[in-house]
């Protein structure tokens, strides 16, 4: 019997085909994952806005220490309003941070009965 020296392995063409297929799959998956992350951020910001609106409503209902009510008219929410909420113990400073744009810190706006973050 003659011993053959056969090497088993993949050819360069086979490896290149696999790399191209993986690249195409990654190109299809990455945009949908990043889009889903953006949608999740928006949903979280909407939920946080609802929580802030609830905190403001509760604050206005009970007005601790005879303070003044927080305005709920359309427009920007003043930073002093968030100070009132944190001082009254309704939330912490981290609770009112803008989730869409950290550079805007605690900047939210009333619009059509909702609290939305400033983008």
PDB file of N, CA and C in Angstrom:
ATOM      1  N   UNK A   1       0.822  -1.164   0.000  1.00  0.00           N
ATOM      2  CA  UNK A   1       0.000   0.000   0.000  1.00  0.00           C
ATOM      3  C   UNK A   1       0.876   1.241   0.000  1.00  0.00           C
ATOM      4  N   UNK A   2       0.512   2.170  -0.832  1.00  0.00           N
ATOM      5  CA  UNK A   2       1.289   3.390  -0.951  1.00  0.00           C
ATOM      6  C   UNK A   2       0.587   4.484  -0.142  1.00  0.00           C
ATOM      7  N   UNK A   3       1.338   5.126   0.731  1.00  0.00           N
ATOM      8  CA  UNK A   3       0.787   6.199   1.556  1.00  0.00           C
ATOM      9  C   UNK A   3       0.726   7.474   0.725  1.00  0.00           C
ATOM     10  N   UNK A   4      -0.451   8.033   0.673  1.00  0.00           N
ATOM     11  CA  UNK A   4      -0.600   9.294  -0.055  1.00  0.00           C
ATOM     12  C   UNK A   4      -0.515  10.459   0.921  1.00  0.00           C
ATOM     13  N   UNK A   5       0.107  11.462   0.481  1.00  0.00           N
ATOM     14  CA  UNK A   5       0.237  12.664   1.306  1.00  0.00           C
ATOM     15  C   UNK A   5      -0.841  13.664   0.864  1.00  0.00           C
ATOM     16  N   UNK A   6      -2.094  13.419   1.315  1.00  0.00           N
ATOM     17  CA  UNK A   6      -3.205  14.272   0.936  1.00  0.00           C
ATOM     18  C   UNK A   6      -3.496  15.236   2.080  1.00  0.00           C
ATOM     19  N   UNK A   7      -3.479  16.509   1.767  1.00  0.00           N
ATOM     20  CA  UNK A   7      -3.803  17.513   2.772  1.00  0.00           C
ATOM     21  C   UNK A   7      -5.270  17.855   2.645  1.00  0.00           C
ATOM     22  N   UNK A   8      -5.971  17.807   3.762  1.00  0.00           N
ATOM     23  CA  UNK A   8      -7.379  18.172   3.754  1.00  0.00           C
ATOM     24  C   UNK A   8      -7.496  19.601   4.267  1.00  0.00           C
ATOM     25  N   UNK A   9      -8.316  20.374   3.641  1.00  0.00           N
ATOM     26  CA  UNK A   9      -8.513  21.759   4.053  1.00  0.00           C
ATOM     27  C   UNK A   9      -9.358  22.487   3.038  1.00  0.00           C
ATOM     28  N   UNK A  10      -9.481  23.775   3.239  1.00  0.00           N
ATOM     29  CA  UNK A  10     -10.293  24.597   2.356  1.00  0.00           C
ATOM     30  C   UNK A  10      -9.401  25.306   1.365  1.00  0.00           C
ATOM     31  N   UNK A  11      -9.925  25.488   0.176  1.00  0.00           N
ATOM     32  CA  UNK A  11      -9.169  26.241  -0.818  1.00  0.00           C
ATOM     33  C   UNK A  11      -9.407  27.737  -0.584  1.00  0.00           C
ATOM     34  N   UNK A  12      -8.593  28.513  -1.198  1.00  0.00           N
ATOM     35  CA  UNK A  12      -8.718  29.964  -1.057  1.00  0.00           C
ATOM     36  C   UNK A  12     -10.070  30.445  -1.590  1.00  0.00           C
ATOM     37  N   UNK A  13     -10.534  29.899  -2.668  1.00  0.00           N
ATOM     38  CA  UNK A  13     -11.820  30.283  -3.254  1.00  0.00           C
ATOM     39  C   UNK A  13     -12.960  29.991  -2.281  1.00  0.00           C
ATOM     40  N   UNK A  14     -12.940  28.836  -1.632  1.00  0.00           N
ATOM     41  CA  UNK A  14     -14.001  28.486  -0.669  1.00  0.00           C
ATOM     42  C   UNK A  14     -14.022  29.469   0.503  1.00  0.00           C
ATOM     43  N   UNK A  15     -12.869  29.814   0.979  1.00  0.00           N
ATOM     44  CA  UNK A  15     -12.782  30.762   2.105  1.00  0.00           C
ATOM     45  C   UNK A  15     -13.287  32.139   1.672  1.00  0.00           C
ATOM     46  N   UNK A  16     -12.927  32.578   0.481  1.00  0.00           N
ATOM     47  CA  UNK A  16     -13.390  33.873  -0.016  1.00  0.00           C
ATOM     48  C   UNK A  16     -14.909  33.892  -0.191  1.00  0.00           C
ATOM     49  N   UNK A  17     -15.478  32.814  -0.659  1.00  0.00           N
ATOM     50  CA  UNK A  17     -16.934  32.738  -0.823  1.00  0.00           C
ATOM     51  C   UNK A  17     -17.622  32.863   0.527  1.00  0.00           C
ATOM     52  N   UNK A  18     -17.107  32.183   1.541  1.00  0.00           N
ATOM     53  CA  UNK A  18     -17.692  32.264   2.886  1.00  0.00           C
ATOM     54  C   UNK A  18     -17.578  33.685   3.424  1.00  0.00           C
ATOM     55  N   UNK A  19     -16.448  34.334   3.227  1.00  0.00           N
ATOM     56  CA  UNK A  19     -16.255  35.700   3.708  1.00  0.00           C
ATOM     57  C   UNK A  19     -17.231  36.653   3.005  1.00  0.00           C
ATOM     58  N   UNK A  20     -17.430  36.486   1.723  1.00  0.00           N
ATOM     59  CA  UNK A  20     -18.366  37.336   0.989  1.00  0.00           C
ATOM     60  C   UNK A  20     -19.789  37.111   1.490  1.00  0.00           C
ATOM     61  N   UNK A  21     -20.181  35.877   1.706  1.00  0.00           N
ATOM     62  CA  UNK A  21     -21.530  35.578   2.220  1.00  0.00           C
ATOM     63  C   UNK A  21     -21.719  36.205   3.597  1.00  0.00           C
ATOM     64  N   UNK A  22     -20.732  36.085   4.480  1.00  0.00           N
ATOM     65  CA  UNK A  22     -20.829  36.704   5.809  1.00  0.00           C
ATOM     66  C   UNK A  22     -20.919  38.231   5.701  1.00  0.00           C
ATOM     67  N   UNK A  23     -20.196  38.813   4.772  1.00  0.00           N
ATOM     68  CA  UNK A  23     -20.255  40.261   4.569  1.00  0.00           C
ATOM     69  C   UNK A  23     -21.627  40.711   4.102  1.00  0.00           C
ATOM     70  N   UNK A  24     -22.240  39.963   3.198  1.00  0.00           N
ATOM     71  CA  UNK A  24     -23.580  40.301   2.715  1.00  0.00           C
ATOM     72  C   UNK A  24     -24.588  40.186   3.845  1.00  0.00           C
ATOM     73  N   UNK A  25     -24.500  39.131   4.639  1.00  0.00           N
ATOM     74  CA  UNK A  25     -25.411  38.964   5.780  1.00  0.00           C
ATOM     75  C   UNK A  25     -25.249  40.103   6.785  1.00  0.00           C
ATOM     76  N   UNK A  26     -24.009  40.480   7.064  1.00  0.00           N
ATOM     77  CA  UNK A  26     -23.767  41.585   8.000  1.00  0.00           C
ATOM     78  C   UNK A  26     -24.336  42.886   7.448  1.00  0.00           C
ATOM     79  N   UNK A  27     -24.211  43.099   6.150  1.00  0.00           N
ATOM     80  CA  UNK A  27     -24.738  44.317   5.539  1.00  0.00           C
ATOM     81  C   UNK A  27     -26.264  44.363   5.622  1.00  0.00           C
ATOM     82  N   UNK A  28     -26.907  43.214   5.658  1.00  0.00           N
ATOM     83  CA  UNK A  28     -28.363  43.169   5.782  1.00  0.00           C
ATOM     84  C   UNK A  28     -28.822  43.343   7.224  1.00  0.00           C
ATOM     85  N   UNK A  29     -28.061  42.833   8.174  1.00  0.00           N
ATOM     86  CA  UNK A  29     -28.482  42.811   9.575  1.00  0.00           C
ATOM     87  C   UNK A  29     -28.152  44.112  10.306  1.00  0.00           C
ATOM     88  N   UNK A  30     -26.997  44.689  10.085  1.00  0.00           N
ATOM     89  CA  UNK A  30     -26.543  45.861  10.842  1.00  0.00           C
ATOM     90  C   UNK A  30     -27.510  47.048  10.753  1.00  0.00           C
ATOM     91  N   UNK A  31     -28.026  47.423   9.572  1.00  0.00           N
ATOM     92  CA  UNK A  31     -28.957  48.557   9.541  1.00  0.00           C
ATOM     93  C   UNK A  31     -30.231  48.311  10.353  1.00  0.00           C
ATOM     94  N   UNK A  32     -30.757  47.088  10.326  1.00  0.00           N
ATOM     95  CA  UNK A  32     -31.977  46.846  11.102  1.00  0.00           C
ATOM     96  C   UNK A  32     -31.704  46.862  12.596  1.00  0.00           C
ATOM     97  N   UNK A  33     -30.526  46.441  13.014  1.00  0.00           N
ATOM     98  CA  UNK A  33     -30.196  46.486  14.442  1.00  0.00           C
ATOM     99  C   UNK A  33     -30.039  47.929  14.903  1.00  0.00           C
ATOM    100  N   UNK A  34     -29.358  48.756  14.120  1.00  0.00           N
ATOM    101  CA  UNK A  34     -29.182  50.150  14.518  1.00  0.00           C
ATOM    102  C   UNK A  34     -30.511  50.899  14.489  1.00  0.00           C
ATOM    103  N   UNK A  35     -31.363  50.561  13.542  1.00  0.00           N
ATOM    104  CA  UNK A  35     -32.691  51.176  13.494  1.00  0.00           C
ATOM    105  C   UNK A  35     -33.508  50.777  14.724  1.00  0.00           C
ATOM    106  N   UNK A  36     -33.407  49.529  15.119  1.00  0.00           N
ATOM    107  CA  UNK A  36     -34.142  49.066  16.305  1.00  0.00           C
ATOM    108  C   UNK A  36     -33.635  49.764  17.561  1.00  0.00           C
ATOM    109  N   UNK A  37     -32.341  50.031  17.627  1.00  0.00           N
ATOM    110  CA  UNK A  37     -31.789  50.744  18.787  1.00  0.00           C
ATOM    111  C   UNK A  37     -32.327  52.169  18.849  1.00  0.00           C
ATOM    112  N   UNK A  38     -32.409  52.828  17.703  1.00  0.00           N
ATOM    113  CA  UNK A  38     -32.961  54.180  17.659  1.00  0.00           C
ATOM    114  C   UNK A  38     -34.432  54.196  18.064  1.00  0.00           C
ATOM    115  N   UNK A  39     -35.190  53.209  17.590  1.00  0.00           N
ATOM    116  CA  UNK A  39     -36.605  53.119  17.949  1.00  0.00           C
ATOM    117  C   UNK A  39     -36.762  52.875  19.446  1.00  0.00           C
ATOM    118  N   UNK A  40     -35.898  52.044  19.999  1.00  0.00           N
ATOM    119  CA  UNK A  40     -35.965  51.763  21.438  1.00  0.00           C
ATOM    120  C   UNK A  40     -35.668  53.015  22.254  1.00  0.00           C
ATOM    121  N   UNK A  41     -34.715  53.826  21.795  1.00  0.00           N
ATOM    122  CA  UNK A  41     -34.411  55.084  22.485  1.00  0.00           C
ATOM    123  C   UNK A  41     -35.604  56.029  22.466  1.00  0.00           C
ATOM    124  N   UNK A  42     -36.272  56.094  21.315  1.00  0.00           N
ATOM    125  CA  UNK A  42     -37.447  56.962  21.204  1.00  0.00           C
ATOM    126  C   UNK A  42     -38.582  56.478  22.103  1.00  0.00           C
ATOM    127  N   UNK A  43     -38.794  55.178  22.150  1.00  0.00           N
ATOM    128  CA  UNK A  43     -39.840  54.622  23.009  1.00  0.00           C
ATOM    129  C   UNK A  43     -39.532  54.894  24.486  1.00  0.00           C
ATOM    130  N   UNK A  44     -38.259  54.743  24.861  1.00  0.00           N
ATOM    131  CA  UNK A  44     -37.869  55.004  26.247  1.00  0.00           C
ATOM    132  C   UNK A  44     -38.060  56.483  26.589  1.00  0.00           C
ATOM    133  N   UNK A  45     -37.757  57.354  25.637  1.00  0.00           N
ATOM    134  CA  UNK A  45     -37.943  58.795  25.867  1.00  0.00           C
ATOM    135  C   UNK A  45     -39.425  59.131  26.008  1.00  0.00           C
ATOM    136  N   UNK A  46     -40.274  58.481  25.207  1.00  0.00           N
ATOM    137  CA  UNK A  46     -41.716  58.705  25.333  1.00  0.00           C
ATOM    138  C   UNK A  46     -42.224  58.251  26.695  1.00  0.00           C
ATOM    139  N   UNK A  47     -41.740  57.099  27.135  1.00  0.00           N
ATOM    140  CA  UNK A  47     -42.151  56.593  28.449  1.00  0.00           C
ATOM    141  C   UNK A  47     -41.685  57.521  29.560  1.00  0.00           C
ATOM    142  N   UNK A  48     -40.453  58.027  29.443  1.00  0.00           N
ATOM    143  CA  UNK A  48     -39.932  58.949  30.453  1.00  0.00           C
ATOM    144  C   UNK A  48     -40.740  60.233  30.459  1.00  0.00           C
ATOM    145  N   UNK A  49     -41.142  60.698  29.266  1.00  0.00           N
ATOM    146  CA  UNK A  49     -41.975  61.893  29.171  1.00  0.00           C
ATOM    147  C   UNK A  49     -43.308  61.705  29.878  1.00  0.00           C
ATOM    148  N   UNK A  50     -43.899  60.529  29.737  1.00  0.00           N
ATOM    149  CA  UNK A  50     -45.162  60.230  30.431  1.00  0.00           C
ATOM    150  C   UNK A  50     -44.969  60.236  31.944  1.00  0.00           C
ATOM    151  N   UNK A  51     -43.835  59.700  32.393  1.00  0.00           N
ATOM    152  CA  UNK A  51     -43.539  59.695  33.833  1.00  0.00           C
ATOM    153  C   UNK A  51     -43.369  61.123  34.353  1.00  0.00           C
ATOM    154  N   UNK A  52     -42.681  61.946  33.588  1.00  0.00           N
ATOM    155  CA  UNK A  52     -42.477  63.334  34.016  1.00  0.00           C
ATOM    156  C   UNK A  52     -43.813  64.068  34.081  1.00  0.00           C
ATOM    157  N   UNK A  53     -44.671  63.826  33.093  1.00  0.00           N
ATOM    158  CA  UNK A  53     -45.991  64.457  33.104  1.00  0.00           C
ATOM    159  C   UNK A  53     -46.779  64.013  34.338  1.00  0.00           C
ATOM    160  N   UNK A  54     -46.679  62.747  34.696  1.00  0.00           N
ATOM    161  CA  UNK A  54     -47.355  62.254  35.898  1.00  0.00           C
ATOM    162  C   UNK A  54     -46.790  62.924  37.151  1.00  0.00           C
ATOM    163  N   UNK A  55     -45.472  63.078  37.209  1.00  0.00           N
ATOM    164  CA  UNK A  55     -44.854  63.737  38.371  1.00  0.00           C
ATOM    165  C   UNK A  55     -45.317  65.184  38.491  1.00  0.00           C
ATOM    166  N   UNK A  56     -45.373  65.885  37.358  1.00  0.00           N
ATOM    167  CA  UNK A  56     -45.806  67.288  37.375  1.00  0.00           C
ATOM    168  C   UNK A  56     -47.270  67.378  37.812  1.00  0.00           C
ATOM    169  N   UNK A  57     -48.089  66.468  37.302  1.00  0.00           N
ATOM    170  CA  UNK A  57     -49.508  66.465  37.677  1.00  0.00           C
ATOM    171  C   UNK A  57     -49.678  66.228  39.167  1.00  0.00           C
ATOM    172  N   UNK A  58     -48.944  65.257  39.699  1.00  0.00           N
ATOM    173  CA  UNK A  58     -49.015  64.978  41.145  1.00  0.00           C
ATOM    174  C   UNK A  58     -48.513  66.168  41.952  1.00  0.00           C
ATOM    175  N   UNK A  59     -47.422  66.768  41.513  1.00  0.00           N
ATOM    176  CA  UNK A  59     -46.884  67.939  42.205  1.00  0.00           C
ATOM    177  C   UNK A  59     -47.936  69.045  42.242  1.00  0.00           C
ATOM    178  N   UNK A  60     -48.564  69.297  41.097  1.00  0.00           N
ATOM    179  CA  UNK A  60     -49.575  70.361  41.018  1.00  0.00           C
ATOM    180  C   UNK A  60     -50.811  70.040  41.866  1.00  0.00           C
ATOM    181  N   UNK A  61     -51.131  68.763  42.008  1.00  0.00           N
ATOM    182  CA  UNK A  61     -52.291  68.390  42.816  1.00  0.00           C
ATOM    183  C   UNK A  61     -52.059  68.650  44.296  1.00  0.00           C
ATOM    184  N   UNK A  62     -50.852  68.385  44.747  1.00  0.00           N
ATOM    185  CA  UNK A  62     -50.595  68.459  46.186  1.00  0.00           C
ATOM    186  C   UNK A  62     -49.783  69.673  46.616  1.00  0.00           C
ATOM    187  N   UNK A  63     -49.153  70.387  45.704  1.00  0.00           N
ATOM    188  CA  UNK A  63     -48.369  71.599  45.975  1.00  0.00           C
ATOM    189  C   UNK A  63     -47.723  71.599  47.358  1.00  0.00           C
ATOM    190  N   UNK A  64     -46.615  70.897  47.497  1.00  0.00           N
ATOM    191  CA  UNK A  64     -45.952  70.829  48.799  1.00  0.00           C
ATOM    192  C   UNK A  64     -45.490  72.191  49.286  1.00  0.00           C
ATOM    193  N   UNK A  65     -45.730  72.462  50.540  1.00  0.00           N
ATOM    194  CA  UNK A  65     -45.267  73.706  51.161  1.00  0.00           C
ATOM    195  C   UNK A  65     -45.897  74.956  50.573  1.00  0.00           C
ATOM    196  N   UNK A  66     -47.054  74.823  49.969  1.00  0.00           N
ATOM    197  CA  UNK A  66     -47.721  76.000  49.409  1.00  0.00           C
ATOM    198  C   UNK A  66     -46.987  76.598  48.231  1.00  0.00           C
ATOM    199  N   UNK A  67     -46.193  75.793  47.513  1.00  0.00           N
ATOM    200  CA  UNK A  67     -45.435  76.305  46.369  1.00  0.00           C
ATOM    201  C   UNK A  67     -46.334  76.660  45.202  1.00  0.00           C
ATOM    202  N   UNK A  68     -45.726  77.142  44.156  1.00  0.00           N
ATOM    203  CA  UNK A  68     -46.490  77.499  42.963  1.00  0.00           C
ATOM    204  C   UNK A  68     -46.528  76.308  42.008  1.00  0.00           C
ATOM    205  N   UNK A  69     -47.610  76.207  41.262  1.00  0.00           N
ATOM    206  CA  UNK A  69     -47.791  75.089  40.342  1.00  0.00           C
ATOM    207  C   UNK A  69     -46.822  75.185  39.164  1.00  0.00           C
ATOM    208  N   UNK A  70     -46.502  74.041  38.607  1.00  0.00           N
ATOM    209  CA  UNK A  70     -45.659  73.982  37.414  1.00  0.00           C
ATOM    210  C   UNK A  70     -46.581  74.122  36.207  1.00  0.00           C
ATOM    211  N   UNK A  71     -46.254  75.026  35.314  1.00  0.00           N
ATOM    212  CA  UNK A  71     -47.085  75.291  34.150  1.00  0.00           C
ATOM    213  C   UNK A  71     -47.110  74.090  33.207  1.00  0.00           C
ATOM    214  N   UNK A  72     -48.293  73.798  32.685  1.00  0.00           N
ATOM    215  CA  UNK A  72     -48.426  72.695  31.731  1.00  0.00           C
ATOM    216  C   UNK A  72     -48.918  73.201  30.377  1.00  0.00           C
ATOM    217  N   UNK A  73     -48.609  74.446  30.073  1.00  0.00           N
ATOM    218  CA  UNK A  73     -48.956  74.983  28.755  1.00  0.00           C
ATOM    219  C   UNK A  73     -47.881  74.575  27.757  1.00  0.00           C
ATOM    220  N   UNK A  74     -48.241  74.569  26.483  1.00  0.00           N
ATOM    221  CA  UNK A  74     -47.282  74.173  25.452  1.00  0.00           C
ATOM    222  C   UNK A  74     -46.055  75.075  25.486  1.00  0.00           C
ATOM    223  N   UNK A  75     -44.897  74.459  25.320  1.00  0.00           N
ATOM    224  CA  UNK A  75     -43.635  75.196  25.315  1.00  0.00           C
ATOM    225  C   UNK A  75     -42.598  74.480  26.168  1.00  0.00           C
ATOM    226  N   UNK A  76     -41.439  75.066  26.247  1.00  0.00           N
ATOM    227  CA  UNK A  76     -40.333  74.470  27.002  1.00  0.00           C
ATOM    228  C   UNK A  76     -40.648  74.446  28.496  1.00  0.00           C
ATOM    229  N   UNK A  77     -40.177  73.398  29.153  1.00  0.00           N
ATOM    230  CA  UNK A  77     -40.332  73.290  30.607  1.00  0.00           C
ATOM    231  C   UNK A  77     -39.106  73.932  31.241  1.00  0.00           C
ATOM    232  N   UNK A  78     -39.320  74.855  32.136  1.00  0.00           N
ATOM    233  CA  UNK A  78     -38.208  75.570  32.774  1.00  0.00           C
ATOM    234  C   UNK A  78     -37.419  74.629  33.677  1.00  0.00           C
ATOM    235  N   UNK A  79     -36.116  74.866  33.741  1.00  0.00           N
ATOM    236  CA  UNK A  79     -35.259  74.053  34.601  1.00  0.00           C
ATOM    237  C   UNK A  79     -35.695  74.147  36.056  1.00  0.00           C
ATOM    238  N   UNK A  80     -36.236  75.293  36.457  1.00  0.00           N
ATOM    239  CA  UNK A  80     -36.706  75.472  37.834  1.00  0.00           C
ATOM    240  C   UNK A  80     -37.836  74.498  38.158  1.00  0.00           C
ATOM    241  N   UNK A  81     -38.603  74.112  37.154  1.00  0.00           N
ATOM    242  CA  UNK A  81     -39.685  73.150  37.374  1.00  0.00           C
ATOM    243  C   UNK A  81     -39.125  71.807  37.804  1.00  0.00           C
ATOM    244  N   UNK A  82     -38.018  71.397  37.176  1.00  0.00           N
ATOM    245  CA  UNK A  82     -37.400  70.126  37.548  1.00  0.00           C
ATOM    246  C   UNK A  82     -36.773  70.215  38.931  1.00  0.00           C
ATOM    247  N   UNK A  83     -36.278  71.400  39.272  1.00  0.00           N
ATOM    248  CA  UNK A  83     -35.729  71.613  40.614  1.00  0.00           C
ATOM    249  C   UNK A  83     -36.828  71.441  41.653  1.00  0.00           C
ATOM    250  N   UNK A  84     -38.021  71.963  41.350  1.00  0.00           N
ATOM    251  CA  UNK A  84     -39.157  71.786  42.268  1.00  0.00           C
ATOM    252  C   UNK A  84     -39.486  70.307  42.460  1.00  0.00           C
ATOM    253  N   UNK A  85     -39.483  69.552  41.362  1.00  0.00           N
ATOM    254  CA  UNK A  85     -39.810  68.123  41.452  1.00  0.00           C
ATOM    255  C   UNK A  85     -38.790  67.355  42.277  1.00  0.00           C
ATOM    256  N   UNK A  86     -37.516  67.667  42.075  1.00  0.00           N
ATOM    257  CA  UNK A  86     -36.483  66.953  42.826  1.00  0.00           C
ATOM    258  C   UNK A  86     -36.483  67.379  44.291  1.00  0.00           C
ATOM    259  N   UNK A  87     -36.719  68.654  44.558  1.00  0.00           N
ATOM    260  CA  UNK A  87     -36.756  69.133  45.944  1.00  0.00           C
ATOM    261  C   UNK A  87     -37.931  68.524  46.704  1.00  0.00           C
ATOM    262  N   UNK A  88     -39.038  68.305  46.006  1.00  0.00           N
ATOM    263  CA  UNK A  88     -40.220  67.736  46.654  1.00  0.00           C
ATOM    264  C   UNK A  88     -40.116  66.212  46.775  1.00  0.00           C
ATOM    265  N   UNK A  89     -39.064  65.627  46.193  1.00  0.00           N
ATOM    266  CA  UNK A  89     -38.862  64.183  46.317  1.00  0.00           C
ATOM    267  C   UNK A  89     -39.620  63.349  45.291  1.00  0.00           C
ATOM    268  N   UNK A  90     -40.128  63.976  44.251  1.00  0.00           N
ATOM    269  CA  UNK A  90     -40.844  63.229  43.221  1.00  0.00           C
ATOM    270  C   UNK A  90     -39.898  62.476  42.295  1.00  0.00           C
ATOM    271  N   UNK A  91     -38.673  62.961  42.183  1.00  0.00           N
ATOM    272  CA  UNK A  91     -37.704  62.311  41.298  1.00  0.00           C
ATOM    273  C   UNK A  91     -36.295  62.770  41.672  1.00  0.00           C
ATOM    274  N   UNK A  92     -35.321  62.198  40.984  1.00  0.00           N
ATOM    275  CA  UNK A  92     -33.932  62.633  41.134  1.00  0.00           C
ATOM    276  C   UNK A  92     -33.537  63.399  39.870  1.00  0.00           C
ATOM    277  N   UNK A  93     -32.402  64.035  39.912  1.00  0.00           N
ATOM    278  CA  UNK A  93     -31.940  64.785  38.733  1.00  0.00           C
ATOM    279  C   UNK A  93     -31.739  63.847  37.542  1.00  0.00           C
ATOM    280  N   UNK A  94     -31.309  62.617  37.798  1.00  0.00           N
ATOM    281  CA  UNK A  94     -31.104  61.653  36.715  1.00  0.00           C
ATOM    282  C   UNK A  94     -32.421  61.256  36.047  1.00  0.00           C
ATOM    283  N   UNK A  95     -33.519  61.332  36.784  1.00  0.00           N
ATOM    284  CA  UNK A  95     -34.814  60.949  36.229  1.00  0.00           C
ATOM    285  C   UNK A  95     -35.294  61.891  35.138  1.00  0.00           C
ATOM    286  N   UNK A  96     -34.833  63.106  35.138  1.00  0.00           N
ATOM    287  CA  UNK A  96     -35.317  64.089  34.164  1.00  0.00           C
ATOM    288  C   UNK A  96     -34.295  64.401  33.078  1.00  0.00           C
ATOM    289  N   UNK A  97     -33.262  63.581  32.963  1.00  0.00           N
ATOM    290  CA  UNK A  97     -32.270  63.798  31.916  1.00  0.00           C
ATOM    291  C   UNK A  97     -32.868  63.478  30.551  1.00  0.00           C
ATOM    292  N   UNK A  98     -32.445  64.207  29.561  1.00  0.00           N
ATOM    293  CA  UNK A  98     -32.901  64.012  28.191  1.00  0.00           C
ATOM    294  C   UNK A  98     -32.234  62.754  27.636  1.00  0.00           C
ATOM    295  N   UNK A  99     -33.027  61.755  27.297  1.00  0.00           N
ATOM    296  CA  UNK A  99     -32.465  60.495  26.822  1.00  0.00           C
ATOM    297  C   UNK A  99     -32.056  60.534  25.360  1.00  0.00           C
ATOM    298  N   UNK A 100     -32.607  61.443  24.606  1.00  0.00           N
ATOM    299  CA  UNK A 100     -32.258  61.512  23.191  1.00  0.00           C
ATOM    300  C   UNK A 100     -30.996  62.314  22.942  1.00  0.00           C
ATOM    301  N   UNK A 101     -30.737  63.307  23.795  1.00  0.00           N
ATOM    302  CA  UNK A 101     -29.568  64.156  23.597  1.00  0.00           C
ATOM    303  C   UNK A 101     -29.020  64.573  24.953  1.00  0.00           C
ATOM    304  N   UNK A 102     -27.990  63.878  25.405  1.00  0.00           N
ATOM    305  CA  UNK A 102     -27.415  64.147  26.722  1.00  0.00           C
ATOM    306  C   UNK A 102     -26.861  65.566  26.824  1.00  0.00           C
ATOM    307  N   UNK A 103     -26.515  66.173  25.691  1.00  0.00           N
ATOM    308  CA  UNK A 103     -25.986  67.540  25.711  1.00  0.00           C
ATOM    309  C   UNK A 103     -27.048  68.543  26.161  1.00  0.00           C
ATOM    310  N   UNK A 104     -28.321  68.195  26.008  1.00  0.00           N
ATOM    311  CA  UNK A 104     -29.397  69.092  26.420  1.00  0.00           C
ATOM    312  C   UNK A 104     -29.807  68.886  27.868  1.00  0.00           C
ATOM    313  N   UNK A 105     -29.147  67.996  28.570  1.00  0.00           N
ATOM    314  CA  UNK A 105     -29.423  67.727  29.994  1.00  0.00           C
ATOM    315  C   UNK A 105     -30.913  67.542  30.228  1.00  0.00           C
ATOM    316  N   UNK A 106     -31.509  68.377  31.061  1.00  0.00           N
ATOM    317  CA  UNK A 106     -32.931  68.236  31.379  1.00  0.00           C
ATOM    318  C   UNK A 106     -33.737  69.229  30.560  1.00  0.00           C
ATOM    319  N   UNK A 107     -33.862  68.971  29.278  1.00  0.00           N
ATOM    320  CA  UNK A 107     -34.655  69.878  28.441  1.00  0.00           C
ATOM    321  C   UNK A 107     -35.804  69.104  27.803  1.00  0.00           C
ATOM    322  N   UNK A 108     -36.982  69.449  28.259  1.00  0.00           N
ATOM    323  CA  UNK A 108     -38.205  68.805  27.794  1.00  0.00           C
ATOM    324  C   UNK A 108     -39.189  69.892  27.393  1.00  0.00           C
ATOM    325  N   UNK A 109     -40.156  69.519  26.587  1.00  0.00           N
ATOM    326  CA  UNK A 109     -41.140  70.468  26.082  1.00  0.00           C
ATOM    327  C   UNK A 109     -42.542  69.889  26.212  1.00  0.00           C
ATOM    328  N   UNK A 110     -43.496  70.753  26.574  1.00  0.00           N
ATOM    329  CA  UNK A 110     -44.907  70.370  26.518  1.00  0.00           C
ATOM    330  C   UNK A 110     -45.378  70.594  25.092  1.00  0.00           C
ATOM    331  N   UNK A 111     -46.079  69.619  24.541  1.00  0.00           N
ATOM    332  CA  UNK A 111     -46.678  69.782  23.215  1.00  0.00           C
ATOM    333  C   UNK A 111     -47.902  68.881  23.128  1.00  0.00           C
ATOM    334  N   UNK A 112     -49.048  69.471  22.916  1.00  0.00           N
ATOM    335  CA  UNK A 112     -50.295  68.735  22.743  1.00  0.00           C
ATOM    336  C   UNK A 112     -50.580  67.771  23.895  1.00  0.00           C
ATOM    337  N   UNK A 113     -50.346  68.219  25.105  1.00  0.00           N
ATOM    338  CA  UNK A 113     -50.636  67.405  26.274  1.00  0.00           C
ATOM    339  C   UNK A 113     -49.629  66.324  26.578  1.00  0.00           C
ATOM    340  N   UNK A 114     -48.483  66.339  25.882  1.00  0.00           N
ATOM    341  CA  UNK A 114     -47.431  65.352  26.128  1.00  0.00           C
ATOM    342  C   UNK A 114     -46.148  66.069  26.501  1.00  0.00           C
ATOM    343  N   UNK A 115     -45.283  65.344  27.182  1.00  0.00           N
ATOM    344  CA  UNK A 115     -43.950  65.861  27.485  1.00  0.00           C
ATOM    345  C   UNK A 115     -42.996  65.128  26.561  1.00  0.00           C
ATOM    346  N   UNK A 116     -42.270  65.892  25.739  1.00  0.00           N
ATOM    347  CA  UNK A 116     -41.342  65.275  24.787  1.00  0.00           C
ATOM    348  C   UNK A 116     -39.940  65.853  24.997  1.00  0.00           C
ATOM    349  N   UNK A 117     -38.911  65.027  24.784  1.00  0.00           N
ATOM    350  CA  UNK A 117     -37.536  65.530  24.965  1.00  0.00           C
ATOM    351  C   UNK A 117     -37.146  66.456  23.830  1.00  0.00           C
ATOM    352  N   UNK A 118     -36.280  67.400  24.119  1.00  0.00           N
ATOM    353  CA  UNK A 118     -35.742  68.268  23.095  1.00  0.00           C
ATOM    354  C   UNK A 118     -34.662  67.492  22.342  1.00  0.00           C
ATOM    355  N   UNK A 119     -34.813  67.329  21.031  1.00  0.00           N
ATOM    356  CA  UNK A 119     -33.813  66.517  20.296  1.00  0.00           C
ATOM    357  C   UNK A 119     -32.479  67.208  20.178  1.00  0.00           C
TER     358      UNK A 119
END
